[in-house]
Amino acid sequence: MVFQGDGPLDTGSVSGGGGGGGVGRIAVGGGAGLIITIVALFFGIDPGSLTGGSSYGGGTADNRDVAQINQHIQSCTIEKANVDTICRIVATTNSLDAVWSDLMPGYTPPSTKIFTGAVSTGCGPATSATGPFYCPADQTAYFDPSFFAQLEQMGGSDGPLAQEYVVAHEYGHHIENLTGVLQQGNRMGSQGPRSGSVRVELQADCLAGVWAYHADNGPDAMLEPLTPTQIDTVIQTAKAIGDDTIQGANSNPEGWTHGSSEQRARWFTVGYDSGDPRRCDTFATNDL
């Protein structure tokens, strides 16, 4: 159990997505390098292969798929969020919106789309192969629930809080979009150990930690008190998606886009230990 209480969830900003087609390219505008990096968030896809026009395959999402997902979303309750992945995503967005509304003056929630196979976005068509991502153009976070099983195969955790960390990370990108950090990161480049891309990703990890700090605090908290074991599943997952882990023994920091396993775990911990978004300024330091 992670979520406490009972009753329905707010599904107003969450819907099923589809229409991406089986093969396509990431469509990008002025912020090409940054958007591609975010789209390739968890799988360490080489951004150069995408900008070079590589296509990628995947199943299509037809109207029946979207209708089924929307029906599923509308059936979600807090109780179901503890046993059902789609409902867990919905419940996590509810918690994130509550926390960030308190922490950030002028906060506006993103939209969330849950899809299977492929999806159309404001950044172009994408498939499940890209992993979870946030598109700044339409201020929407995208999730295919099948990703969590793949994440476990990569050495991460499929535990509830680890899944919520993934959602919270994408919301971190939304916070960065609202504050202008995404644009700042884009000006600093998309590859290298101190690149704008790495700083953006590590800040999103830190902001996910800030959410975790606040998510189980107060009489209206949706989450039960988090345990060290649950936090360990997040650290395990953060390490599994570090550039050095994904790239293996021949990892070259000059090609990093997301940060090392140690960095990702450390910045989540900075946010979780402090609960202070101001501690997440990865652009104010070279000690990443």
C-alpha atoms as a PDB file:
ATOM      1  CA  MET A   1       0.000   0.000   0.000  1.00  0.00           C
ATOM      2  CA  VAL A   2       1.206   3.504  -0.882  1.00  0.00           C
ATOM      3  CA  PHE A   3      -1.954   5.553  -1.344  1.00  0.00           C
ATOM      4  CA  GLN A   4      -4.232   6.030   1.617  1.00  0.00           C
ATOM      5  CA  GLY A   5      -7.943   6.781   1.787  1.00  0.00           C
ATOM      6  CA  ASP A   6     -10.712   5.784  -0.566  1.00  0.00           C
ATOM      7  CA  GLY A   7     -13.005   7.226  -3.183  1.00  0.00           C
ATOM      8  CA  PRO A   8     -12.706   8.447  -6.777  1.00  0.00           C
ATOM      9  CA  LEU A   9      -9.749  10.210  -8.337  1.00  0.00           C
ATOM     10  CA  ASP A  10      -9.694  13.435 -10.332  1.00  0.00           C
ATOM     11  CA  THR A  11      -9.337  12.316 -13.947  1.00  0.00           C
ATOM     12  CA  GLY A  12      -9.958  15.703 -15.557  1.00  0.00           C
ATOM     13  CA  SER A  13      -6.429  16.115 -16.932  1.00  0.00           C
ATOM     14  CA  VAL A  14      -5.765  12.439 -17.746  1.00  0.00           C
ATOM     15  CA  SER A  15      -6.927  10.709 -20.912  1.00  0.00           C
ATOM     16  CA  GLY A  16      -6.095   7.957 -23.339  1.00  0.00           C
ATOM     17  CA  GLY A  17      -3.933   8.838 -26.310  1.00  0.00           C
ATOM     18  CA  GLY A  18      -3.418   7.300 -29.714  1.00  0.00           C
ATOM     19  CA  GLY A  19      -3.103   7.898 -33.405  1.00  0.00           C
ATOM     20  CA  GLY A  20       0.667   7.869 -33.615  1.00  0.00           C
ATOM     21  CA  GLY A  21       0.987   5.238 -36.294  1.00  0.00           C
ATOM     22  CA  GLY A  22       3.427   2.356 -36.459  1.00  0.00           C
ATOM     23  CA  VAL A  23       6.403   4.170 -37.955  1.00  0.00           C
ATOM     24  CA  GLY A  24       7.328   7.812 -37.643  1.00  0.00           C
ATOM     25  CA  ARG A  25       9.860  10.469 -36.758  1.00  0.00           C
ATOM     26  CA  ILE A  26      10.051  12.782 -33.812  1.00  0.00           C
ATOM     27  CA  ALA A  27       8.848  16.144 -35.107  1.00  0.00           C
ATOM     28  CA  VAL A  28      10.634  19.036 -33.450  1.00  0.00           C
ATOM     29  CA  GLY A  29      10.693  22.802 -33.701  1.00  0.00           C
ATOM     30  CA  GLY A  30      13.202  25.360 -32.506  1.00  0.00           C
ATOM     31  CA  GLY A  31      14.192  23.363 -29.442  1.00  0.00           C
ATOM     32  CA  ALA A  32      15.112  20.289 -31.438  1.00  0.00           C
ATOM     33  CA  GLY A  33      17.957  18.893 -29.346  1.00  0.00           C
ATOM     34  CA  LEU A  34      16.210  19.379 -26.027  1.00  0.00           C
ATOM     35  CA  ILE A  35      12.844  17.965 -27.092  1.00  0.00           C
ATOM     36  CA  ILE A  36      14.480  14.889 -28.558  1.00  0.00           C
ATOM     37  CA  THR A  37      16.475  14.373 -25.373  1.00  0.00           C
ATOM     38  CA  ILE A  38      13.312  14.520 -23.292  1.00  0.00           C
ATOM     39  CA  VAL A  39      11.444  12.182 -25.629  1.00  0.00           C
ATOM     40  CA  ALA A  40      14.312   9.705 -25.362  1.00  0.00           C
ATOM     41  CA  LEU A  41      14.181  10.125 -21.607  1.00  0.00           C
ATOM     42  CA  PHE A  42      14.635   6.729 -20.084  1.00  0.00           C
ATOM     43  CA  PHE A  43      16.084   4.519 -22.779  1.00  0.00           C
ATOM     44  CA  GLY A  44      19.245   6.464 -23.579  1.00  0.00           C
ATOM     45  CA  ILE A  45      18.399   6.618 -27.271  1.00  0.00           C
ATOM     46  CA  ASP A  46      21.139   8.351 -29.253  1.00  0.00           C
ATOM     47  CA  PRO A  47      19.630  11.762 -30.122  1.00  0.00           C
ATOM     48  CA  GLY A  48      21.728  11.805 -33.286  1.00  0.00           C
ATOM     49  CA  SER A  49      19.911   8.778 -34.614  1.00  0.00           C
ATOM     50  CA  LEU A  50      16.624  10.619 -34.246  1.00  0.00           C
ATOM     51  CA  THR A  51      17.731  13.915 -35.764  1.00  0.00           C
ATOM     52  CA  GLY A  52      19.229  11.933 -38.612  1.00  0.00           C
ATOM     53  CA  GLY A  53      15.777  10.801 -39.531  1.00  0.00           C
ATOM     54  CA  SER A  54      15.798   7.279 -38.164  1.00  0.00           C
ATOM     55  CA  SER A  55      12.348   5.775 -37.971  1.00  0.00           C
ATOM     56  CA  TYR A  56      11.154   3.422 -35.345  1.00  0.00           C
ATOM     57  CA  GLY A  57       8.474   0.793 -35.245  1.00  0.00           C
ATOM     58  CA  GLY A  58       5.771  -0.072 -32.815  1.00  0.00           C
ATOM     59  CA  GLY A  59       2.125  -0.998 -32.593  1.00  0.00           C
ATOM     60  CA  THR A  60      -0.592   1.465 -33.470  1.00  0.00           C
ATOM     61  CA  ALA A  61      -3.239   2.665 -31.068  1.00  0.00           C
ATOM     62  CA  ASP A  62      -6.695   2.520 -32.666  1.00  0.00           C
ATOM     63  CA  ASN A  63      -9.898   4.118 -31.431  1.00  0.00           C
ATOM     64  CA  ARG A  64     -10.838   0.955 -29.547  1.00  0.00           C
ATOM     65  CA  ASP A  65      -7.578   1.051 -27.575  1.00  0.00           C
ATOM     66  CA  VAL A  66      -8.134   4.697 -26.671  1.00  0.00           C
ATOM     67  CA  ALA A  67     -11.748   4.065 -25.646  1.00  0.00           C
ATOM     68  CA  GLN A  68     -10.693   1.175 -23.417  1.00  0.00           C
ATOM     69  CA  ILE A  69      -7.987   3.255 -21.759  1.00  0.00           C
ATOM     70  CA  ASN A  70     -10.416   6.131 -21.163  1.00  0.00           C
ATOM     71  CA  GLN A  71     -12.955   3.730 -19.652  1.00  0.00           C
ATOM     72  CA  HIS A  72     -10.239   2.331 -17.430  1.00  0.00           C
ATOM     73  CA  ILE A  73      -9.169   5.805 -16.329  1.00  0.00           C
ATOM     74  CA  GLN A  74     -12.718   6.794 -15.428  1.00  0.00           C
ATOM     75  CA  SER A  75     -13.062   3.684 -13.238  1.00  0.00           C
ATOM     76  CA  CYS A  76     -10.020   4.552 -11.135  1.00  0.00           C
ATOM     77  CA  THR A  77     -10.262   4.997  -7.387  1.00  0.00           C
ATOM     78  CA  ILE A  78      -7.664   5.509  -4.684  1.00  0.00           C
ATOM     79  CA  GLU A  79      -8.030   1.850  -3.701  1.00  0.00           C
ATOM     80  CA  LYS A  80      -7.394   0.713  -7.284  1.00  0.00           C
ATOM     81  CA  ALA A  81      -4.274   2.877  -7.440  1.00  0.00           C
ATOM     82  CA  ASN A  82      -2.580   0.438  -5.076  1.00  0.00           C
ATOM     83  CA  VAL A  83      -3.095  -2.550  -7.377  1.00  0.00           C
ATOM     84  CA  ASP A  84      -3.496  -1.142 -10.890  1.00  0.00           C
ATOM     85  CA  THR A  85      -0.803   0.599 -12.940  1.00  0.00           C
ATOM     86  CA  ILE A  86      -3.045   2.965 -14.918  1.00  0.00           C
ATOM     87  CA  CYS A  87      -4.861   4.042 -11.768  1.00  0.00           C
ATOM     88  CA  ARG A  88      -1.496   4.485 -10.027  1.00  0.00           C
ATOM     89  CA  ILE A  89      -0.463   6.926 -12.753  1.00  0.00           C
ATOM     90  CA  VAL A  90      -3.736   8.827 -12.296  1.00  0.00           C
ATOM     91  CA  ALA A  91      -3.393   8.938  -8.504  1.00  0.00           C
ATOM     92  CA  THR A  92       0.206  10.116  -8.782  1.00  0.00           C
ATOM     93  CA  THR A  93      -0.851  13.017 -11.014  1.00  0.00           C
ATOM     94  CA  ASN A  94      -3.440  13.970  -8.369  1.00  0.00           C
ATOM     95  CA  SER A  95      -0.754  13.979  -5.680  1.00  0.00           C
ATOM     96  CA  LEU A  96       1.726  15.874  -7.854  1.00  0.00           C
ATOM     97  CA  ASP A  97      -0.797  18.580  -8.699  1.00  0.00           C
ATOM     98  CA  ALA A  98      -1.652  19.011  -5.021  1.00  0.00           C
ATOM     99  CA  VAL A  99       1.998  19.268  -3.975  1.00  0.00           C
ATOM    100  CA  TRP A 100       3.119  21.606  -6.742  1.00  0.00           C
ATOM    101  CA  SER A 101       0.068  23.832  -6.337  1.00  0.00           C
ATOM    102  CA  ASP A 102       1.245  24.432  -2.771  1.00  0.00           C
ATOM    103  CA  LEU A 103       4.919  24.865  -3.625  1.00  0.00           C
ATOM    104  CA  MET A 104       4.792  26.928  -6.792  1.00  0.00           C
ATOM    105  CA  PRO A 105       2.793  30.159  -7.144  1.00  0.00           C
ATOM    106  CA  GLY A 106       1.012  30.254 -10.492  1.00  0.00           C
ATOM    107  CA  TYR A 107       1.382  26.514 -11.047  1.00  0.00           C
ATOM    108  CA  THR A 108      -0.714  25.145 -13.908  1.00  0.00           C
ATOM    109  CA  PRO A 109      -1.064  21.354 -14.211  1.00  0.00           C
ATOM    110  CA  PRO A 110       0.096  19.530 -17.324  1.00  0.00           C
ATOM    111  CA  SER A 111      -2.103  17.108 -19.206  1.00  0.00           C
ATOM    112  CA  THR A 112      -1.346  13.398 -19.026  1.00  0.00           C
ATOM    113  CA  LYS A 113      -1.973  10.874 -21.774  1.00  0.00           C
ATOM    114  CA  ILE A 114      -1.797   7.132 -21.244  1.00  0.00           C
ATOM    115  CA  PHE A 115      -1.319   5.191 -24.451  1.00  0.00           C
ATOM    116  CA  THR A 116      -0.385   1.849 -25.870  1.00  0.00           C
ATOM    117  CA  GLY A 117       1.826   1.290 -28.886  1.00  0.00           C
ATOM    118  CA  ALA A 118       1.936   4.737 -30.445  1.00  0.00           C
ATOM    119  CA  VAL A 119       0.664   8.249 -29.904  1.00  0.00           C
ATOM    120  CA  SER A 120       0.464  11.634 -31.621  1.00  0.00           C
ATOM    121  CA  THR A 121       1.942  14.544 -29.667  1.00  0.00           C
ATOM    122  CA  GLY A 122       2.677  18.230 -30.062  1.00  0.00           C
ATOM    123  CA  CYS A 123       6.300  17.149 -30.613  1.00  0.00           C
ATOM    124  CA  GLY A 124       5.363  14.655 -33.331  1.00  0.00           C
ATOM    125  CA  PRO A 125       4.477  10.955 -33.378  1.00  0.00           C
ATOM    126  CA  ALA A 126       6.084   8.637 -30.828  1.00  0.00           C
ATOM    127  CA  THR A 127       5.933   4.982 -29.912  1.00  0.00           C
ATOM    128  CA  SER A 128       6.312   2.958 -26.740  1.00  0.00           C
ATOM    129  CA  ALA A 129       9.991   2.483 -27.611  1.00  0.00           C
ATOM    130  CA  THR A 130      10.759   6.046 -26.492  1.00  0.00           C
ATOM    131  CA  GLY A 131       9.675   5.366 -22.901  1.00  0.00           C
ATOM    132  CA  PRO A 132       7.784   7.967 -20.833  1.00  0.00           C
ATOM    133  CA  PHE A 133       8.276  11.554 -21.975  1.00  0.00           C
ATOM    134  CA  TYR A 134       7.065  15.122 -21.640  1.00  0.00           C
ATOM    135  CA  CYS A 135       6.346  17.296 -24.649  1.00  0.00           C
ATOM    136  CA  PRO A 136       6.782  21.037 -23.980  1.00  0.00           C
ATOM    137  CA  ALA A 137       4.805  21.986 -27.099  1.00  0.00           C
ATOM    138  CA  ASP A 138       1.530  20.629 -25.717  1.00  0.00           C
ATOM    139  CA  GLN A 139       2.514  20.582 -22.012  1.00  0.00           C
ATOM    140  CA  THR A 140       1.626  16.915 -21.764  1.00  0.00           C
ATOM    141  CA  ALA A 141       3.295  13.917 -20.114  1.00  0.00           C
ATOM    142  CA  TYR A 142       2.961  10.610 -21.972  1.00  0.00           C
ATOM    143  CA  PHE A 143       3.080   7.101 -20.509  1.00  0.00           C
ATOM    144  CA  ASP A 144       2.724   3.607 -21.899  1.00  0.00           C
ATOM    145  CA  PRO A 145       2.223   1.401 -18.794  1.00  0.00           C
ATOM    146  CA  SER A 146       4.151  -1.448 -20.411  1.00  0.00           C
ATOM    147  CA  PHE A 147       7.316   0.585 -19.785  1.00  0.00           C
ATOM    148  CA  PHE A 148       7.426  -0.409 -16.138  1.00  0.00           C
ATOM    149  CA  ALA A 149       7.974  -4.090 -16.958  1.00  0.00           C
ATOM    150  CA  GLN A 150      10.786  -3.083 -19.307  1.00  0.00           C
ATOM    151  CA  LEU A 151      12.284  -0.875 -16.614  1.00  0.00           C
ATOM    152  CA  GLU A 152      12.464  -3.848 -14.279  1.00  0.00           C
ATOM    153  CA  GLN A 153      14.306  -5.831 -16.981  1.00  0.00           C
ATOM    154  CA  MET A 154      16.830  -2.974 -17.145  1.00  0.00           C
ATOM    155  CA  GLY A 155      17.592  -3.422 -13.449  1.00  0.00           C
ATOM    156  CA  GLY A 156      15.144  -0.895 -12.070  1.00  0.00           C
ATOM    157  CA  SER A 157      12.257  -1.590  -9.738  1.00  0.00           C
ATOM    158  CA  ASP A 158       8.644  -2.238 -10.688  1.00  0.00           C
ATOM    159  CA  GLY A 159       7.555  -1.237  -7.173  1.00  0.00           C
ATOM    160  CA  PRO A 160       4.749   1.306  -6.703  1.00  0.00           C
ATOM    161  CA  LEU A 161       6.927   4.201  -5.546  1.00  0.00           C
ATOM    162  CA  ALA A 162       9.449   3.576  -8.329  1.00  0.00           C
ATOM    163  CA  GLN A 163       6.610   3.867 -10.841  1.00  0.00           C
ATOM    164  CA  GLU A 164       5.468   7.076  -9.174  1.00  0.00           C
ATOM    165  CA  TYR A 165       9.017   8.430  -9.408  1.00  0.00           C
ATOM    166  CA  VAL A 166       8.842   8.008 -13.184  1.00  0.00           C
ATOM    167  CA  VAL A 167       5.629  10.062 -13.293  1.00  0.00           C
ATOM    168  CA  ALA A 168       7.084  12.646 -10.899  1.00  0.00           C
ATOM    169  CA  HIS A 169      10.195  12.993 -13.090  1.00  0.00           C
ATOM    170  CA  GLU A 170       8.038  13.885 -16.096  1.00  0.00           C
ATOM    171  CA  TYR A 171       6.186  16.426 -13.975  1.00  0.00           C
ATOM    172  CA  GLY A 172       9.608  17.788 -13.088  1.00  0.00           C
ATOM    173  CA  HIS A 173      10.083  18.586 -16.762  1.00  0.00           C
ATOM    174  CA  HIS A 174       6.764  20.412 -16.721  1.00  0.00           C
ATOM    175  CA  ILE A 175       7.965  22.511 -13.780  1.00  0.00           C
ATOM    176  CA  GLU A 176      11.141  23.236 -15.760  1.00  0.00           C
ATOM    177  CA  ASN A 177       9.036  24.268 -18.731  1.00  0.00           C
ATOM    178  CA  LEU A 178       7.040  26.675 -16.574  1.00  0.00           C
ATOM    179  CA  THR A 179      10.187  28.221 -15.062  1.00  0.00           C
ATOM    180  CA  GLY A 180      12.121  28.484 -18.330  1.00  0.00           C
ATOM    181  CA  VAL A 181      14.725  25.888 -17.379  1.00  0.00           C
ATOM    182  CA  LEU A 182      14.037  23.810 -20.480  1.00  0.00           C
ATOM    183  CA  GLN A 183      14.907  26.743 -22.699  1.00  0.00           C
ATOM    184  CA  GLN A 184      18.018  27.444 -20.609  1.00  0.00           C
ATOM    185  CA  GLY A 185      19.115  23.838 -20.949  1.00  0.00           C
ATOM    186  CA  ASN A 186      18.612  23.879 -24.683  1.00  0.00           C
ATOM    187  CA  ARG A 187      21.033  26.784 -25.036  1.00  0.00           C
ATOM    188  CA  MET A 188      23.751  24.756 -23.292  1.00  0.00           C
ATOM    189  CA  GLY A 189      23.742  21.742 -25.581  1.00  0.00           C
ATOM    190  CA  SER A 190      22.423  18.201 -25.495  1.00  0.00           C
ATOM    191  CA  GLN A 191      25.495  16.029 -24.832  1.00  0.00           C
ATOM    192  CA  GLY A 192      28.338  15.929 -22.349  1.00  0.00           C
ATOM    193  CA  PRO A 193      28.749  15.557 -18.576  1.00  0.00           C
ATOM    194  CA  ARG A 194      27.908  19.238 -17.910  1.00  0.00           C
ATOM    195  CA  SER A 195      25.530  19.760 -20.821  1.00  0.00           C
ATOM    196  CA  GLY A 196      22.179  21.461 -20.571  1.00  0.00           C
ATOM    197  CA  SER A 197      20.484  18.133 -21.160  1.00  0.00           C
ATOM    198  CA  VAL A 198      22.197  16.487 -18.183  1.00  0.00           C
ATOM    199  CA  ARG A 199      21.366  19.465 -15.971  1.00  0.00           C
ATOM    200  CA  VAL A 200      17.710  19.340 -17.052  1.00  0.00           C
ATOM    201  CA  GLU A 201      17.436  15.617 -16.334  1.00  0.00           C
ATOM    202  CA  LEU A 202      19.135  15.809 -12.951  1.00  0.00           C
ATOM    203  CA  GLN A 203      16.942  18.738 -11.947  1.00  0.00           C
ATOM    204  CA  ALA A 204      13.844  16.704 -12.859  1.00  0.00           C
ATOM    205  CA  ASP A 205      15.136  13.894 -10.636  1.00  0.00           C
ATOM    206  CA  CYS A 206      15.600  16.386  -7.804  1.00  0.00           C
ATOM    207  CA  LEU A 207      12.107  17.808  -8.291  1.00  0.00           C
ATOM    208  CA  ALA A 208      10.732  14.260  -8.143  1.00  0.00           C
ATOM    209  CA  GLY A 209      12.469  13.956  -4.782  1.00  0.00           C
ATOM    210  CA  VAL A 210      10.880  17.211  -3.610  1.00  0.00           C
ATOM    211  CA  TRP A 211       7.461  15.776  -4.461  1.00  0.00           C
ATOM    212  CA  ALA A 212       8.239  12.575  -2.520  1.00  0.00           C
ATOM    213  CA  TYR A 213       9.223  14.654   0.536  1.00  0.00           C
ATOM    214  CA  HIS A 214       5.867  16.434   0.579  1.00  0.00           C
ATOM    215  CA  ALA A 215       3.597  13.689  -0.753  1.00  0.00           C
ATOM    216  CA  ASP A 216       3.196  11.894   2.591  1.00  0.00           C
ATOM    217  CA  ASN A 217       3.085  15.028   4.793  1.00  0.00           C
ATOM    218  CA  GLY A 218       0.004  16.645   6.284  1.00  0.00           C
ATOM    219  CA  PRO A 219      -3.537  15.520   7.073  1.00  0.00           C
ATOM    220  CA  ASP A 220      -4.563  15.561   3.389  1.00  0.00           C
ATOM    221  CA  ALA A 221      -1.537  13.629   2.101  1.00  0.00           C
ATOM    222  CA  MET A 222      -2.459  10.970  -0.436  1.00  0.00           C
ATOM    223  CA  LEU A 223       0.544   8.780   0.324  1.00  0.00           C
ATOM    224  CA  GLU A 224       1.083   6.780   3.472  1.00  0.00           C
ATOM    225  CA  PRO A 225       4.394   7.522   5.242  1.00  0.00           C
ATOM    226  CA  LEU A 226       7.157   6.369   2.931  1.00  0.00           C
ATOM    227  CA  THR A 227       9.544   3.711   4.168  1.00  0.00           C
ATOM    228  CA  PRO A 228      13.306   3.408   3.583  1.00  0.00           C
ATOM    229  CA  THR A 229      12.609   0.263   1.560  1.00  0.00           C
ATOM    230  CA  GLN A 230      10.313   2.176  -0.773  1.00  0.00           C
ATOM    231  CA  ILE A 231      12.874   4.945  -1.220  1.00  0.00           C
ATOM    232  CA  ASP A 232      15.451   2.247  -2.008  1.00  0.00           C
ATOM    233  CA  THR A 233      13.320   1.143  -4.983  1.00  0.00           C
ATOM    234  CA  VAL A 234      13.539   4.680  -6.354  1.00  0.00           C
ATOM    235  CA  ILE A 235      17.320   4.806  -5.886  1.00  0.00           C
ATOM    236  CA  GLN A 236      17.612   1.413  -7.600  1.00  0.00           C
ATOM    237  CA  THR A 237      15.582   2.721 -10.522  1.00  0.00           C
ATOM    238  CA  ALA A 238      17.491   6.009 -10.779  1.00  0.00           C
ATOM    239  CA  LYS A 239      20.747   4.073 -10.953  1.00  0.00           C
ATOM    240  CA  ALA A 240      19.383   1.710 -13.602  1.00  0.00           C
ATOM    241  CA  ILE A 241      18.698   4.610 -15.975  1.00  0.00           C
ATOM    242  CA  GLY A 242      21.989   6.437 -15.579  1.00  0.00           C
ATOM    243  CA  ASP A 243      23.920   7.001 -18.805  1.00  0.00           C
ATOM    244  CA  ASP A 244      26.877   4.943 -17.599  1.00  0.00           C
ATOM    245  CA  THR A 245      24.632   2.016 -16.690  1.00  0.00           C
ATOM    246  CA  ILE A 246      22.729   2.076 -19.969  1.00  0.00           C
ATOM    247  CA  GLN A 247      25.837   2.529 -22.112  1.00  0.00           C
ATOM    248  CA  GLY A 248      27.831  -0.149 -20.303  1.00  0.00           C
ATOM    249  CA  ALA A 249      31.560  -0.625 -19.878  1.00  0.00           C
ATOM    250  CA  ASN A 250      32.485   1.662 -22.767  1.00  0.00           C
ATOM    251  CA  SER A 251      30.390   4.583 -21.552  1.00  0.00           C
ATOM    252  CA  ASN A 252      31.800   7.939 -22.632  1.00  0.00           C
ATOM    253  CA  PRO A 253      30.776  10.963 -20.533  1.00  0.00           C
ATOM    254  CA  GLU A 254      31.009  13.172 -23.609  1.00  0.00           C
ATOM    255  CA  GLY A 255      27.988  11.318 -24.951  1.00  0.00           C
ATOM    256  CA  TRP A 256      25.903  11.575 -21.785  1.00  0.00           C
ATOM    257  CA  THR A 257      22.468  13.175 -21.994  1.00  0.00           C
ATOM    258  CA  HIS A 258      20.959  12.251 -18.608  1.00  0.00           C
ATOM    259  CA  GLY A 259      23.719  11.908 -16.033  1.00  0.00           C
ATOM    260  CA  SER A 260      25.413   8.955 -14.377  1.00  0.00           C
ATOM    261  CA  SER A 261      23.679   6.460 -12.126  1.00  0.00           C
ATOM    262  CA  GLU A 262      25.316   8.049  -9.089  1.00  0.00           C
ATOM    263  CA  GLN A 263      24.245  11.536 -10.147  1.00  0.00           C
ATOM    264  CA  ARG A 264      20.628  10.567 -10.773  1.00  0.00           C
ATOM    265  CA  ALA A 265      20.331   8.870  -7.407  1.00  0.00           C
ATOM    266  CA  ARG A 266      22.111  11.736  -5.631  1.00  0.00           C
ATOM    267  CA  TRP A 267      19.929  14.492  -7.065  1.00  0.00           C
ATOM    268  CA  PHE A 268      16.736  12.620  -6.229  1.00  0.00           C
ATOM    269  CA  THR A 269      18.093  12.340  -2.698  1.00  0.00           C
ATOM    270  CA  VAL A 270      18.874  16.083  -2.570  1.00  0.00           C
ATOM    271  CA  GLY A 271      15.240  16.807  -3.333  1.00  0.00           C
ATOM    272  CA  TYR A 272      13.882  14.159  -0.999  1.00  0.00           C
ATOM    273  CA  ASP A 273      16.079  15.125   1.940  1.00  0.00           C
ATOM    274  CA  SER A 274      15.364  18.863   1.658  1.00  0.00           C
ATOM    275  CA  GLY A 275      11.879  19.139   0.193  1.00  0.00           C
ATOM    276  CA  ASP A 276      13.069  22.471  -1.218  1.00  0.00           C
ATOM    277  CA  PRO A 277      12.869  23.120  -4.987  1.00  0.00           C
ATOM    278  CA  ARG A 278      15.546  25.797  -4.602  1.00  0.00           C
ATOM    279  CA  ARG A 279      18.063  23.052  -3.794  1.00  0.00           C
ATOM    280  CA  CYS A 280      17.461  21.609  -7.263  1.00  0.00           C
ATOM    281  CA  ASP A 281      19.258  24.326  -9.238  1.00  0.00           C
ATOM    282  CA  THR A 282      21.589  22.140 -11.273  1.00  0.00           C
ATOM    283  CA  PHE A 283      22.511  25.168 -13.394  1.00  0.00           C
ATOM    284  CA  ALA A 284      24.149  26.946 -10.444  1.00  0.00           C
ATOM    285  CA  THR A 285      26.885  24.358  -9.956  1.00  0.00           C
ATOM    286  CA  ASN A 286      29.387  22.268 -11.899  1.00  0.00           C
ATOM    287  CA  ASP A 287      29.454  19.745  -9.043  1.00  0.00           C
ATOM    288  CA  LEU A 288      26.808  17.570 -10.654  1.00  0.00           C
END
